[in-house]
Amino acid sequence: MATVCPSYPLDFIRKIEKAKSIKGPSYIHCFSMCPTGWRSPSQTAISMGRLAVETGVFPLFEVEHGHYRLSPDMPKKLKPIKDYFKPQGRFRHLIPDEIDMIQERVTIEFKKLTEKAKFLKTGND
């Protein structure tokens, strides 16, 4: 299982190639921007994908045989979620308390993921 984002093409290609080489099923979850639904210009697709990763909304990682590994493209420190929300019209209705609540949840979930990656390493690391 892996997550991919077109804004990180080398990571994307590596994970697709790896999935093709594995016997049996593979699952790849791909981030995809929707300019119309997100109320964001289509020329921002690459930057929106990068912000999704950099804020931890869509972390890049893979799981193989129960072993978690973060992508080398994942930042050590996440950007604030408001950086991801600001350029998208679909989040205009959120009040600061709601943004803080979402930030807290993203931070908690990202910490869980990094802990899994830290303690559940593959033999290749």
PDB file of N, CA and C in Angstrom:
ATOM      1  N   MET A   1       0.850  -1.159   0.000  1.00  0.00           N
ATOM      2  CA  MET A   1       0.000   0.000   0.000  1.00  0.00           C
ATOM      3  C   MET A   1       0.897   1.222   0.000  1.00  0.00           C
ATOM      4  N   ALA A   2       0.477   2.227  -0.766  1.00  0.00           N
ATOM      5  CA  ALA A   2       1.273   3.451  -0.804  1.00  0.00           C
ATOM      6  C   ALA A   2       0.379   4.640  -1.127  1.00  0.00           C
ATOM      7  N   THR A   3       0.840   5.819  -0.724  1.00  0.00           N
ATOM      8  CA  THR A   3       0.199   7.056  -1.129  1.00  0.00           C
ATOM      9  C   THR A   3       1.134   7.760  -2.102  1.00  0.00           C
ATOM     10  N   VAL A   4       0.538   8.399  -3.106  1.00  0.00           N
ATOM     11  CA  VAL A   4       1.320   9.123  -4.102  1.00  0.00           C
ATOM     12  C   VAL A   4       0.648  10.453  -4.418  1.00  0.00           C
ATOM     13  N   CYS A   5       1.447  11.376  -4.922  1.00  0.00           N
ATOM     14  CA  CYS A   5       0.957  12.687  -5.313  1.00  0.00           C
ATOM     15  C   CYS A   5       1.697  13.103  -6.583  1.00  0.00           C
ATOM     16  N   PRO A   6       0.980  13.501  -7.633  1.00  0.00           N
ATOM     17  CA  PRO A   6       1.651  13.911  -8.875  1.00  0.00           C
ATOM     18  C   PRO A   6       2.636  15.069  -8.697  1.00  0.00           C
ATOM     19  N   SER A   7       2.507  15.819  -7.616  1.00  0.00           N
ATOM     20  CA  SER A   7       3.439  16.921  -7.355  1.00  0.00           C
ATOM     21  C   SER A   7       4.834  16.419  -6.993  1.00  0.00           C
ATOM     22  N   TYR A   8       4.942  15.125  -6.726  1.00  0.00           N
ATOM     23  CA  TYR A   8       6.220  14.478  -6.403  1.00  0.00           C
ATOM     24  C   TYR A   8       6.417  13.329  -7.406  1.00  0.00           C
ATOM     25  N   PRO A   9       6.745  13.655  -8.656  1.00  0.00           N
ATOM     26  CA  PRO A   9       6.754  12.644  -9.714  1.00  0.00           C
ATOM     27  C   PRO A   9       7.755  11.501  -9.517  1.00  0.00           C
ATOM     28  N   LEU A  10       8.917  11.754  -8.961  1.00  0.00           N
ATOM     29  CA  LEU A  10       9.886  10.665  -8.786  1.00  0.00           C
ATOM     30  C   LEU A  10       9.388   9.649  -7.756  1.00  0.00           C
ATOM     31  N   ASP A  11       8.818  10.139  -6.666  1.00  0.00           N
ATOM     32  CA  ASP A  11       8.225   9.263  -5.655  1.00  0.00           C
ATOM     33  C   ASP A  11       7.061   8.478  -6.270  1.00  0.00           C
ATOM     34  N   PHE A  12       6.244   9.160  -7.048  1.00  0.00           N
ATOM     35  CA  PHE A  12       5.093   8.558  -7.720  1.00  0.00           C
ATOM     36  C   PHE A  12       5.544   7.395  -8.614  1.00  0.00           C
ATOM     37  N   ILE A  13       6.503   7.662  -9.476  1.00  0.00           N
ATOM     38  CA  ILE A  13       6.992   6.647 -10.418  1.00  0.00           C
ATOM     39  C   ILE A  13       7.616   5.476  -9.678  1.00  0.00           C
ATOM     40  N   ARG A  14       8.425   5.755  -8.662  1.00  0.00           N
ATOM     41  CA  ARG A  14       9.068   4.680  -7.899  1.00  0.00           C
ATOM     42  C   ARG A  14       8.035   3.749  -7.285  1.00  0.00           C
ATOM     43  N   LYS A  15       6.995   4.313  -6.719  1.00  0.00           N
ATOM     44  CA  LYS A  15       5.975   3.494  -6.069  1.00  0.00           C
ATOM     45  C   LYS A  15       5.142   2.697  -7.078  1.00  0.00           C
ATOM     46  N   ILE A  16       4.872   3.278  -8.232  1.00  0.00           N
ATOM     47  CA  ILE A  16       4.144   2.547  -9.282  1.00  0.00           C
ATOM     48  C   ILE A  16       4.993   1.374  -9.770  1.00  0.00           C
ATOM     49  N   GLU A  17       6.271   1.627 -10.016  1.00  0.00           N
ATOM     50  CA  GLU A  17       7.165   0.555 -10.467  1.00  0.00           C
ATOM     51  C   GLU A  17       7.257  -0.552  -9.413  1.00  0.00           C
ATOM     52  N   LYS A  18       7.340  -0.168  -8.169  1.00  0.00           N
ATOM     53  CA  LYS A  18       7.411  -1.158  -7.090  1.00  0.00           C
ATOM     54  C   LYS A  18       6.130  -1.978  -7.045  1.00  0.00           C
ATOM     55  N   ALA A  19       4.988  -1.322  -7.157  1.00  0.00           N
ATOM     56  CA  ALA A  19       3.705  -2.028  -7.127  1.00  0.00           C
ATOM     57  C   ALA A  19       3.596  -3.019  -8.285  1.00  0.00           C
ATOM     58  N   LYS A  20       4.102  -2.624  -9.454  1.00  0.00           N
ATOM     59  CA  LYS A  20       4.070  -3.521 -10.616  1.00  0.00           C
ATOM     60  C   LYS A  20       4.929  -4.756 -10.395  1.00  0.00           C
ATOM     61  N   SER A  21       5.982  -4.622  -9.610  1.00  0.00           N
ATOM     62  CA  SER A  21       6.913  -5.735  -9.420  1.00  0.00           C
ATOM     63  C   SER A  21       6.466  -6.727  -8.351  1.00  0.00           C
ATOM     64  N   ILE A  22       5.463  -6.361  -7.567  1.00  0.00           N
ATOM     65  CA  ILE A  22       5.002  -7.213  -6.471  1.00  0.00           C
ATOM     66  C   ILE A  22       3.973  -8.208  -6.976  1.00  0.00           C
ATOM     67  N   LYS A  23       4.162  -9.459  -6.619  1.00  0.00           N
ATOM     68  CA  LYS A  23       3.168 -10.481  -6.953  1.00  0.00           C
ATOM     69  C   LYS A  23       2.003 -10.321  -5.992  1.00  0.00           C
ATOM     70  N   GLY A  24       0.807 -10.343  -6.518  1.00  0.00           N
ATOM     71  CA  GLY A  24      -0.374 -10.168  -5.691  1.00  0.00           C
ATOM     72  C   GLY A  24      -0.866  -8.741  -5.735  1.00  0.00           C
ATOM     73  N   PRO A  25      -1.857  -8.453  -4.921  1.00  0.00           N
ATOM     74  CA  PRO A  25      -2.476  -7.126  -4.983  1.00  0.00           C
ATOM     75  C   PRO A  25      -1.613  -6.017  -4.386  1.00  0.00           C
ATOM     76  N   SER A  26      -1.776  -4.840  -4.949  1.00  0.00           N
ATOM     77  CA  SER A  26      -1.148  -3.619  -4.442  1.00  0.00           C
ATOM     78  C   SER A  26      -2.224  -2.546  -4.451  1.00  0.00           C
ATOM     79  N   TYR A  27      -2.128  -1.610  -3.533  1.00  0.00           N
ATOM     80  CA  TYR A  27      -3.074  -0.505  -3.493  1.00  0.00           C
ATOM     81  C   TYR A  27      -2.290   0.789  -3.450  1.00  0.00           C
ATOM     82  N   ILE A  28      -2.627   1.701  -4.351  1.00  0.00           N
ATOM     83  CA  ILE A  28      -1.979   3.009  -4.370  1.00  0.00           C
ATOM     84  C   ILE A  28      -3.072   4.065  -4.271  1.00  0.00           C
ATOM     85  N   HIS A  29      -2.972   4.891  -3.261  1.00  0.00           N
ATOM     86  CA  HIS A  29      -3.925   5.974  -3.035  1.00  0.00           C
ATOM     87  C   HIS A  29      -3.292   7.253  -3.575  1.00  0.00           C
ATOM     88  N   CYS A  30      -3.934   7.851  -4.576  1.00  0.00           N
ATOM     89  CA  CYS A  30      -3.352   9.006  -5.267  1.00  0.00           C
ATOM     90  C   CYS A  30      -4.103  10.292  -4.942  1.00  0.00           C
ATOM     91  N   PHE A  31      -3.356  11.311  -4.574  1.00  0.00           N
ATOM     92  CA  PHE A  31      -3.918  12.642  -4.346  1.00  0.00           C
ATOM     93  C   PHE A  31      -4.265  13.244  -5.700  1.00  0.00           C
ATOM     94  N   SER A  32      -5.442  13.816  -5.800  1.00  0.00           N
ATOM     95  CA  SER A  32      -5.858  14.448  -7.044  1.00  0.00           C
ATOM     96  C   SER A  32      -6.663  15.698  -6.726  1.00  0.00           C
ATOM     97  N   MET A  33      -6.255  16.799  -7.292  1.00  0.00           N
ATOM     98  CA  MET A  33      -6.932  18.072  -7.074  1.00  0.00           C
ATOM     99  C   MET A  33      -8.144  18.191  -7.992  1.00  0.00           C
ATOM    100  N   CYS A  34      -9.193  18.862  -7.524  1.00  0.00           N
ATOM    101  CA  CYS A  34     -10.387  19.144  -8.321  1.00  0.00           C
ATOM    102  C   CYS A  34     -10.584  20.657  -8.334  1.00  0.00           C
ATOM    103  N   PRO A  35     -10.060  21.355  -9.340  1.00  0.00           N
ATOM    104  CA  PRO A  35     -10.137  22.818  -9.359  1.00  0.00           C
ATOM    105  C   PRO A  35     -11.559  23.368  -9.189  1.00  0.00           C
ATOM    106  N   THR A  36     -12.527  22.754  -9.843  1.00  0.00           N
ATOM    107  CA  THR A  36     -13.901  23.247  -9.754  1.00  0.00           C
ATOM    108  C   THR A  36     -14.454  23.082  -8.344  1.00  0.00           C
ATOM    109  N   GLY A  37     -14.354  21.889  -7.792  1.00  0.00           N
ATOM    110  CA  GLY A  37     -14.879  21.618  -6.461  1.00  0.00           C
ATOM    111  C   GLY A  37     -14.118  22.325  -5.357  1.00  0.00           C
ATOM    112  N   TRP A  38     -12.845  22.514  -5.551  1.00  0.00           N
ATOM    113  CA  TRP A  38     -12.009  23.137  -4.520  1.00  0.00           C
ATOM    114  C   TRP A  38     -12.006  24.662  -4.633  1.00  0.00           C
ATOM    115  N   ARG A  39     -12.590  25.167  -5.727  1.00  0.00           N
ATOM    116  CA  ARG A  39     -12.610  26.614  -5.988  1.00  0.00           C
ATOM    117  C   ARG A  39     -11.193  27.188  -5.942  1.00  0.00           C
ATOM    118  N   SER A  40     -10.362  26.546  -6.746  1.00  0.00           N
ATOM    119  CA  SER A  40      -8.957  26.917  -6.824  1.00  0.00           C
ATOM    120  C   SER A  40      -8.534  26.806  -8.289  1.00  0.00           C
ATOM    121  N   PRO A  41      -7.765  27.747  -8.814  1.00  0.00           N
ATOM    122  CA  PRO A  41      -7.376  27.697 -10.230  1.00  0.00           C
ATOM    123  C   PRO A  41      -6.593  26.426 -10.573  1.00  0.00           C
ATOM    124  N   SER A  42      -6.823  25.907 -11.766  1.00  0.00           N
ATOM    125  CA  SER A  42      -6.167  24.656 -12.175  1.00  0.00           C
ATOM    126  C   SER A  42      -4.644  24.780 -12.227  1.00  0.00           C
ATOM    127  N   GLN A  43      -4.130  25.981 -12.468  1.00  0.00           N
ATOM    128  CA  GLN A  43      -2.669  26.144 -12.513  1.00  0.00           C
ATOM    129  C   GLN A  43      -2.022  25.991 -11.135  1.00  0.00           C
ATOM    130  N   THR A  44      -2.841  25.875 -10.088  1.00  0.00           N
ATOM    131  CA  THR A  44      -2.291  25.674  -8.741  1.00  0.00           C
ATOM    132  C   THR A  44      -2.222  24.188  -8.359  1.00  0.00           C
ATOM    133  N   ALA A  45      -2.529  23.308  -9.284  1.00  0.00           N
ATOM    134  CA  ALA A  45      -2.587  21.867  -8.969  1.00  0.00           C
ATOM    135  C   ALA A  45      -1.287  21.351  -8.345  1.00  0.00           C
ATOM    136  N   ILE A  46      -0.154  21.707  -8.909  1.00  0.00           N
ATOM    137  CA  ILE A  46       1.124  21.221  -8.378  1.00  0.00           C
ATOM    138  C   ILE A  46       1.382  21.807  -6.993  1.00  0.00           C
ATOM    139  N   SER A  47       1.179  23.103  -6.837  1.00  0.00           N
ATOM    140  CA  SER A  47       1.422  23.713  -5.524  1.00  0.00           C
ATOM    141  C   SER A  47       0.431  23.208  -4.478  1.00  0.00           C
ATOM    142  N   MET A  48      -0.817  22.934  -4.877  1.00  0.00           N
ATOM    143  CA  MET A  48      -1.795  22.405  -3.923  1.00  0.00           C
ATOM    144  C   MET A  48      -1.392  20.999  -3.479  1.00  0.00           C
ATOM    145  N   GLY A  49      -0.892  20.203  -4.402  1.00  0.00           N
ATOM    146  CA  GLY A  49      -0.417  18.870  -4.040  1.00  0.00           C
ATOM    147  C   GLY A  49       0.757  18.948  -3.076  1.00  0.00           C
ATOM    148  N   ARG A  50       1.654  19.858  -3.336  1.00  0.00           N
ATOM    149  CA  ARG A  50       2.807  20.037  -2.446  1.00  0.00           C
ATOM    150  C   ARG A  50       2.351  20.500  -1.064  1.00  0.00           C
ATOM    151  N   LEU A  51       1.379  21.427  -1.013  1.00  0.00           N
ATOM    152  CA  LEU A  51       0.877  21.899   0.274  1.00  0.00           C
ATOM    153  C   LEU A  51       0.157  20.782   1.033  1.00  0.00           C
ATOM    154  N   ALA A  52      -0.562  19.927   0.318  1.00  0.00           N
ATOM    155  CA  ALA A  52      -1.236  18.807   0.977  1.00  0.00           C
ATOM    156  C   ALA A  52      -0.215  17.913   1.683  1.00  0.00           C
ATOM    157  N   VAL A  53       0.907  17.682   1.024  1.00  0.00           N
ATOM    158  CA  VAL A  53       1.967  16.857   1.617  1.00  0.00           C
ATOM    159  C   VAL A  53       2.689  17.629   2.724  1.00  0.00           C
ATOM    160  N   GLU A  54       3.069  18.865   2.453  1.00  0.00           N
ATOM    161  CA  GLU A  54       3.863  19.659   3.404  1.00  0.00           C
ATOM    162  C   GLU A  54       3.111  19.990   4.696  1.00  0.00           C
ATOM    163  N   THR A  55       1.770  19.986   4.638  1.00  0.00           N
ATOM    164  CA  THR A  55       0.970  20.260   5.837  1.00  0.00           C
ATOM    165  C   THR A  55       0.565  18.983   6.562  1.00  0.00           C
ATOM    166  N   GLY A  56       0.807  17.829   5.945  1.00  0.00           N
ATOM    167  CA  GLY A  56       0.449  16.555   6.558  1.00  0.00           C
ATOM    168  C   GLY A  56      -0.975  16.119   6.265  1.00  0.00           C
ATOM    169  N   VAL A  57      -1.702  16.880   5.456  1.00  0.00           N
ATOM    170  CA  VAL A  57      -3.062  16.497   5.077  1.00  0.00           C
ATOM    171  C   VAL A  57      -3.026  15.210   4.254  1.00  0.00           C
ATOM    172  N   PHE A  58      -2.024  15.076   3.419  1.00  0.00           N
ATOM    173  CA  PHE A  58      -1.854  13.886   2.582  1.00  0.00           C
ATOM    174  C   PHE A  58      -0.391  13.446   2.656  1.00  0.00           C
ATOM    175  N   PRO A  59      -0.030  12.738   3.710  1.00  0.00           N
ATOM    176  CA  PRO A  59       1.369  12.308   3.838  1.00  0.00           C
ATOM    177  C   PRO A  59       1.737  11.231   2.817  1.00  0.00           C
ATOM    178  N   LEU A  60       2.965  11.279   2.374  1.00  0.00           N
ATOM    179  CA  LEU A  60       3.478  10.271   1.448  1.00  0.00           C
ATOM    180  C   LEU A  60       4.181   9.180   2.251  1.00  0.00           C
ATOM    181  N   PHE A  61       3.669   7.965   2.117  1.00  0.00           N
ATOM    182  CA  PHE A  61       4.255   6.835   2.830  1.00  0.00           C
ATOM    183  C   PHE A  61       3.901   5.547   2.108  1.00  0.00           C
ATOM    184  N   GLU A  62       4.482   4.460   2.571  1.00  0.00           N
ATOM    185  CA  GLU A  62       4.130   3.142   2.051  1.00  0.00           C
ATOM    186  C   GLU A  62       4.171   2.129   3.179  1.00  0.00           C
ATOM    187  N   VAL A  63       3.411   1.078   3.000  1.00  0.00           N
ATOM    188  CA  VAL A  63       3.373  -0.014   3.962  1.00  0.00           C
ATOM    189  C   VAL A  63       3.603  -1.302   3.183  1.00  0.00           C
ATOM    190  N   GLU A  64       4.617  -2.041   3.601  1.00  0.00           N
ATOM    191  CA  GLU A  64       4.928  -3.300   2.935  1.00  0.00           C
ATOM    192  C   GLU A  64       5.132  -4.365   4.002  1.00  0.00           C
ATOM    193  N   HIS A  65       4.315  -5.385   3.954  1.00  0.00           N
ATOM    194  CA  HIS A  65       4.372  -6.471   4.949  1.00  0.00           C
ATOM    195  C   HIS A  65       4.280  -5.916   6.370  1.00  0.00           C
ATOM    196  N   GLY A  66       3.425  -4.919   6.575  1.00  0.00           N
ATOM    197  CA  GLY A  66       3.228  -4.337   7.896  1.00  0.00           C
ATOM    198  C   GLY A  66       4.286  -3.339   8.329  1.00  0.00           C
ATOM    199  N   HIS A  67       5.244  -3.070   7.473  1.00  0.00           N
ATOM    200  CA  HIS A  67       6.315  -2.125   7.786  1.00  0.00           C
ATOM    201  C   HIS A  67       6.034  -0.774   7.116  1.00  0.00           C
ATOM    202  N   TYR A  68       6.027   0.282   7.908  1.00  0.00           N
ATOM    203  CA  TYR A  68       5.741   1.631   7.430  1.00  0.00           C
ATOM    204  C   TYR A  68       7.031   2.348   7.071  1.00  0.00           C
ATOM    205  N   ARG A  69       6.939   3.144   5.978  1.00  0.00           N
ATOM    206  CA  ARG A  69       8.091   3.947   5.581  1.00  0.00           C
ATOM    207  C   ARG A  69       7.574   5.274   5.023  1.00  0.00           C
ATOM    208  N   LEU A  70       8.052   6.365   5.598  1.00  0.00           N
ATOM    209  CA  LEU A  70       7.714   7.686   5.066  1.00  0.00           C
ATOM    210  C   LEU A  70       8.555   7.959   3.827  1.00  0.00           C
ATOM    211  N   SER A  71       7.980   8.672   2.894  1.00  0.00           N
ATOM    212  CA  SER A  71       8.716   9.069   1.704  1.00  0.00           C
ATOM    213  C   SER A  71       9.821  10.048   2.092  1.00  0.00           C
ATOM    214  N   PRO A  72      10.957   9.997   1.417  1.00  0.00           N
ATOM    215  CA  PRO A  72      12.014  10.985   1.684  1.00  0.00           C
ATOM    216  C   PRO A  72      11.541  12.417   1.408  1.00  0.00           C
ATOM    217  N   ASP A  73      10.458  12.579   0.635  1.00  0.00           N
ATOM    218  CA  ASP A  73       9.936  13.910   0.326  1.00  0.00           C
ATOM    219  C   ASP A  73       9.120  14.513   1.469  1.00  0.00           C
ATOM    220  N   MET A  74       8.815  13.734   2.489  1.00  0.00           N
ATOM    221  CA  MET A  74       8.043  14.267   3.614  1.00  0.00           C
ATOM    222  C   MET A  74       8.910  15.214   4.428  1.00  0.00           C
ATOM    223  N   PRO A  75       8.365  16.387   4.765  1.00  0.00           N
ATOM    224  CA  PRO A  75       9.148  17.337   5.567  1.00  0.00           C
ATOM    225  C   PRO A  75       9.312  16.861   7.003  1.00  0.00           C
ATOM    226  N   LYS A  76      10.354  17.305   7.648  1.00  0.00           N
ATOM    227  CA  LYS A  76      10.580  16.968   9.059  1.00  0.00           C
ATOM    228  C   LYS A  76       9.606  17.739   9.948  1.00  0.00           C
ATOM    229  N   LYS A  77       9.284  18.955   9.523  1.00  0.00           N
ATOM    230  CA  LYS A  77       8.350  19.793  10.274  1.00  0.00           C
ATOM    231  C   LYS A  77       7.237  20.207   9.316  1.00  0.00           C
ATOM    232  N   LEU A  78       5.994  20.009   9.730  1.00  0.00           N
ATOM    233  CA  LEU A  78       4.854  20.328   8.885  1.00  0.00           C
ATOM    234  C   LEU A  78       4.554  21.828   8.863  1.00  0.00           C
ATOM    235  N   LYS A  79       4.068  22.281   7.719  1.00  0.00           N
ATOM    236  CA  LYS A  79       3.576  23.652   7.601  1.00  0.00           C
ATOM    237  C   LYS A  79       2.191  23.712   8.247  1.00  0.00           C
ATOM    238  N   PRO A  80       1.747  24.907   8.625  1.00  0.00           N
ATOM    239  CA  PRO A  80       0.403  25.044   9.208  1.00  0.00           C
ATOM    240  C   PRO A  80      -0.688  24.704   8.185  1.00  0.00           C
ATOM    241  N   ILE A  81      -1.743  24.076   8.655  1.00  0.00           N
ATOM    242  CA  ILE A  81      -2.860  23.662   7.805  1.00  0.00           C
ATOM    243  C   ILE A  81      -3.507  24.855   7.099  1.00  0.00           C
ATOM    244  N   LYS A  82      -3.454  26.025   7.728  1.00  0.00           N
ATOM    245  CA  LYS A  82      -4.061  27.217   7.115  1.00  0.00           C
ATOM    246  C   LYS A  82      -3.386  27.561   5.786  1.00  0.00           C
ATOM    247  N   ASP A  83      -2.124  27.181   5.604  1.00  0.00           N
ATOM    248  CA  ASP A  83      -1.439  27.400   4.326  1.00  0.00           C
ATOM    249  C   ASP A  83      -2.106  26.602   3.202  1.00  0.00           C
ATOM    250  N   TYR A  84      -2.624  25.430   3.540  1.00  0.00           N
ATOM    251  CA  TYR A  84      -3.318  24.573   2.584  1.00  0.00           C
ATOM    252  C   TYR A  84      -4.748  25.069   2.354  1.00  0.00           C
ATOM    253  N   PHE A  85      -5.399  25.534   3.405  1.00  0.00           N
ATOM    254  CA  PHE A  85      -6.782  25.978   3.305  1.00  0.00           C
ATOM    255  C   PHE A  85      -6.934  27.313   2.571  1.00  0.00           C
ATOM    256  N   LYS A  86      -6.020  28.228   2.793  1.00  0.00           N
ATOM    257  CA  LYS A  86      -6.151  29.611   2.311  1.00  0.00           C
ATOM    258  C   LYS A  86      -6.425  29.728   0.801  1.00  0.00           C
ATOM    259  N   PRO A  87      -5.690  29.021  -0.069  1.00  0.00           N
ATOM    260  CA  PRO A  87      -5.931  29.209  -1.501  1.00  0.00           C
ATOM    261  C   PRO A  87      -7.171  28.479  -2.043  1.00  0.00           C
ATOM    262  N   GLN A  88      -7.920  27.799  -1.176  1.00  0.00           N
ATOM    263  CA  GLN A  88      -9.077  27.030  -1.629  1.00  0.00           C
ATOM    264  C   GLN A  88     -10.386  27.645  -1.129  1.00  0.00           C
ATOM    265  N   GLY A  89     -11.251  27.979  -2.059  1.00  0.00           N
ATOM    266  CA  GLY A  89     -12.535  28.557  -1.710  1.00  0.00           C
ATOM    267  C   GLY A  89     -13.419  27.628  -0.894  1.00  0.00           C
ATOM    268  N   ARG A  90     -13.213  26.333  -1.014  1.00  0.00           N
ATOM    269  CA  ARG A  90     -14.075  25.376  -0.309  1.00  0.00           C
ATOM    270  C   ARG A  90     -13.910  25.434   1.216  1.00  0.00           C
ATOM    271  N   PHE A  91     -12.871  26.095   1.689  1.00  0.00           N
ATOM    272  CA  PHE A  91     -12.645  26.187   3.136  1.00  0.00           C
ATOM    273  C   PHE A  91     -12.955  27.575   3.694  1.00  0.00           C
ATOM    274  N   ARG A  92     -13.513  28.461   2.873  1.00  0.00           N
ATOM    275  CA  ARG A  92     -13.797  29.836   3.301  1.00  0.00           C
ATOM    276  C   ARG A  92     -14.690  29.925   4.531  1.00  0.00           C
ATOM    277  N   HIS A  93     -15.570  28.962   4.689  1.00  0.00           N
ATOM    278  CA  HIS A  93     -16.540  28.995   5.780  1.00  0.00           C
ATOM    279  C   HIS A  93     -15.956  28.632   7.149  1.00  0.00           C
ATOM    280  N   LEU A  94     -14.751  28.067   7.170  1.00  0.00           N
ATOM    281  CA  LEU A  94     -14.167  27.625   8.446  1.00  0.00           C
ATOM    282  C   LEU A  94     -13.767  28.807   9.319  1.00  0.00           C
ATOM    283  N   ILE A  95     -14.119  28.697  10.594  1.00  0.00           N
ATOM    284  CA  ILE A  95     -13.719  29.722  11.553  1.00  0.00           C
ATOM    285  C   ILE A  95     -12.400  29.280  12.201  1.00  0.00           C
ATOM    286  N   PRO A  96     -11.666  30.202  12.814  1.00  0.00           N
ATOM    287  CA  PRO A  96     -10.364  29.857  13.396  1.00  0.00           C
ATOM    288  C   PRO A  96     -10.406  28.663  14.362  1.00  0.00           C
ATOM    289  N   ASP A  97     -11.449  28.545  15.179  1.00  0.00           N
ATOM    290  CA  ASP A  97     -11.534  27.399  16.098  1.00  0.00           C
ATOM    291  C   ASP A  97     -11.618  26.077  15.346  1.00  0.00           C
ATOM    292  N   GLU A  98     -12.339  26.066  14.231  1.00  0.00           N
ATOM    293  CA  GLU A  98     -12.459  24.844  13.431  1.00  0.00           C
ATOM    294  C   GLU A  98     -11.124  24.507  12.768  1.00  0.00           C
ATOM    295  N   ILE A  99     -10.438  25.528  12.294  1.00  0.00           N
ATOM    296  CA  ILE A  99      -9.124  25.311  11.682  1.00  0.00           C
ATOM    297  C   ILE A  99      -8.154  24.765  12.723  1.00  0.00           C
ATOM    298  N   ASP A 100      -8.193  25.308  13.925  1.00  0.00           N
ATOM    299  CA  ASP A 100      -7.336  24.814  15.013  1.00  0.00           C
ATOM    300  C   ASP A 100      -7.636  23.355  15.332  1.00  0.00           C
ATOM    301  N   MET A 101      -8.927  23.000  15.334  1.00  0.00           N
ATOM    302  CA  MET A 101      -9.329  21.619  15.618  1.00  0.00           C
ATOM    303  C   MET A 101      -8.808  20.671  14.528  1.00  0.00           C
ATOM    304  N   ILE A 102      -8.927  21.096  13.277  1.00  0.00           N
ATOM    305  CA  ILE A 102      -8.425  20.283  12.166  1.00  0.00           C
ATOM    306  C   ILE A 102      -6.907  20.170  12.236  1.00  0.00           C
ATOM    307  N   GLN A 103      -6.239  21.280  12.555  1.00  0.00           N
ATOM    308  CA  GLN A 103      -4.776  21.267  12.696  1.00  0.00           C
ATOM    309  C   GLN A 103      -4.354  20.264  13.752  1.00  0.00           C
ATOM    310  N   GLU A 104      -5.051  20.267  14.874  1.00  0.00           N
ATOM    311  CA  GLU A 104      -4.730  19.342  15.961  1.00  0.00           C
ATOM    312  C   GLU A 104      -4.878  17.894  15.503  1.00  0.00           C
ATOM    313  N   ARG A 105      -5.942  17.604  14.771  1.00  0.00           N
ATOM    314  CA  ARG A 105      -6.174  16.235  14.297  1.00  0.00           C
ATOM    315  C   ARG A 105      -5.100  15.800  13.298  1.00  0.00           C
ATOM    316  N   VAL A 106      -4.752  16.690  12.375  1.00  0.00           N
ATOM    317  CA  VAL A 106      -3.713  16.378  11.388  1.00  0.00           C
ATOM    318  C   VAL A 106      -2.377  16.127  12.094  1.00  0.00           C
ATOM    319  N   THR A 107      -2.069  16.950  13.085  1.00  0.00           N
ATOM    320  CA  THR A 107      -0.825  16.798  13.842  1.00  0.00           C
ATOM    321  C   THR A 107      -0.795  15.456  14.567  1.00  0.00           C
ATOM    322  N   ILE A 108      -1.897  15.088  15.193  1.00  0.00           N
ATOM    323  CA  ILE A 108      -1.986  13.809  15.915  1.00  0.00           C
ATOM    324  C   ILE A 108      -1.812  12.636  14.953  1.00  0.00           C
ATOM    325  N   GLU A 109      -2.530  12.679  13.838  1.00  0.00           N
ATOM    326  CA  GLU A 109      -2.454  11.571  12.878  1.00  0.00           C
ATOM    327  C   GLU A 109      -1.069  11.471  12.244  1.00  0.00           C
ATOM    328  N   PHE A 110      -0.432  12.612  11.970  1.00  0.00           N
ATOM    329  CA  PHE A 110       0.905  12.578  11.396  1.00  0.00           C
ATOM    330  C   PHE A 110       1.907  12.020  12.413  1.00  0.00           C
ATOM    331  N   LYS A 111       1.724  12.380  13.668  1.00  0.00           N
ATOM    332  CA  LYS A 111       2.615  11.856  14.704  1.00  0.00           C
ATOM    333  C   LYS A 111       2.462  10.337  14.809  1.00  0.00           C
ATOM    334  N   LYS A 112       1.239   9.836  14.745  1.00  0.00           N
ATOM    335  CA  LYS A 112       1.009   8.386  14.769  1.00  0.00           C
ATOM    336  C   LYS A 112       1.735   7.711  13.605  1.00  0.00           C
ATOM    337  N   LEU A 113       1.626   8.325  12.426  1.00  0.00           N
ATOM    338  CA  LEU A 113       2.280   7.764  11.243  1.00  0.00           C
ATOM    339  C   LEU A 113       3.797   7.761  11.396  1.00  0.00           C
ATOM    340  N   THR A 114       4.362   8.853  11.889  1.00  0.00           N
ATOM    341  CA  THR A 114       5.821   8.903  12.049  1.00  0.00           C
ATOM    342  C   THR A 114       6.291   7.912  13.107  1.00  0.00           C
ATOM    343  N   GLU A 115       5.487   7.703  14.134  1.00  0.00           N
ATOM    344  CA  GLU A 115       5.842   6.706  15.155  1.00  0.00           C
ATOM    345  C   GLU A 115       5.835   5.299  14.559  1.00  0.00           C
ATOM    346  N   LYS A 116       4.841   5.006  13.739  1.00  0.00           N
ATOM    347  CA  LYS A 116       4.796   3.690  13.075  1.00  0.00           C
ATOM    348  C   LYS A 116       6.021   3.513  12.183  1.00  0.00           C
ATOM    349  N   ALA A 117       6.366   4.557  11.446  1.00  0.00           N
ATOM    350  CA  ALA A 117       7.530   4.482  10.551  1.00  0.00           C
ATOM    351  C   ALA A 117       8.821   4.331  11.352  1.00  0.00           C
ATOM    352  N   LYS A 118       8.860   4.958  12.500  1.00  0.00           N
ATOM    353  CA  LYS A 118      10.060   4.905  13.336  1.00  0.00           C
ATOM    354  C   LYS A 118      10.271   3.508  13.935  1.00  0.00           C
ATOM    355  N   PHE A 119       9.192   2.904  14.400  1.00  0.00           N
ATOM    356  CA  PHE A 119       9.312   1.633  15.110  1.00  0.00           C
ATOM    357  C   PHE A 119       9.009   0.409  14.271  1.00  0.00           C
ATOM    358  N   LEU A 120       8.413   0.594  13.106  1.00  0.00           N
ATOM    359  CA  LEU A 120       8.083  -0.537  12.249  1.00  0.00           C
ATOM    360  C   LEU A 120       8.828  -0.417  10.931  1.00  0.00           C
ATOM    361  N   LYS A 121      10.158  -0.394  11.012  1.00  0.00           N
ATOM    362  CA  LYS A 121      11.004  -0.229   9.828  1.00  0.00           C
ATOM    363  C   LYS A 121      11.178  -1.553   9.112  1.00  0.00           C
ATOM    364  N   THR A 122      11.455  -1.447   7.807  1.00  0.00           N
ATOM    365  CA  THR A 122      11.760  -2.637   7.026  1.00  0.00           C
ATOM    366  C   THR A 122      13.214  -3.010   7.224  1.00  0.00           C
ATOM    367  N   GLY A 123      13.588  -4.167   6.795  1.00  0.00           N
ATOM    368  CA  GLY A 123      14.971  -4.604   6.906  1.00  0.00           C
ATOM    369  C   GLY A 123      15.900  -3.844   5.974  1.00  0.00           C
ATOM    370  N   ASN A 124      15.356  -3.062   5.049  1.00  0.00           N
ATOM    371  CA  ASN A 124      16.167  -2.333   4.064  1.00  0.00           C
ATOM    372  C   ASN A 124      16.660  -0.999   4.583  1.00  0.00           C
ATOM    373  N   ASP A 125      16.119  -0.526   5.714  1.00  0.00           N
ATOM    374  CA  ASP A 125      16.472   0.820   6.203  1.00  0.00           C
ATOM    375  C   ASP A 125      17.724   0.822   7.019  1.00  0.00           C
TER     376      ASP A 125
END
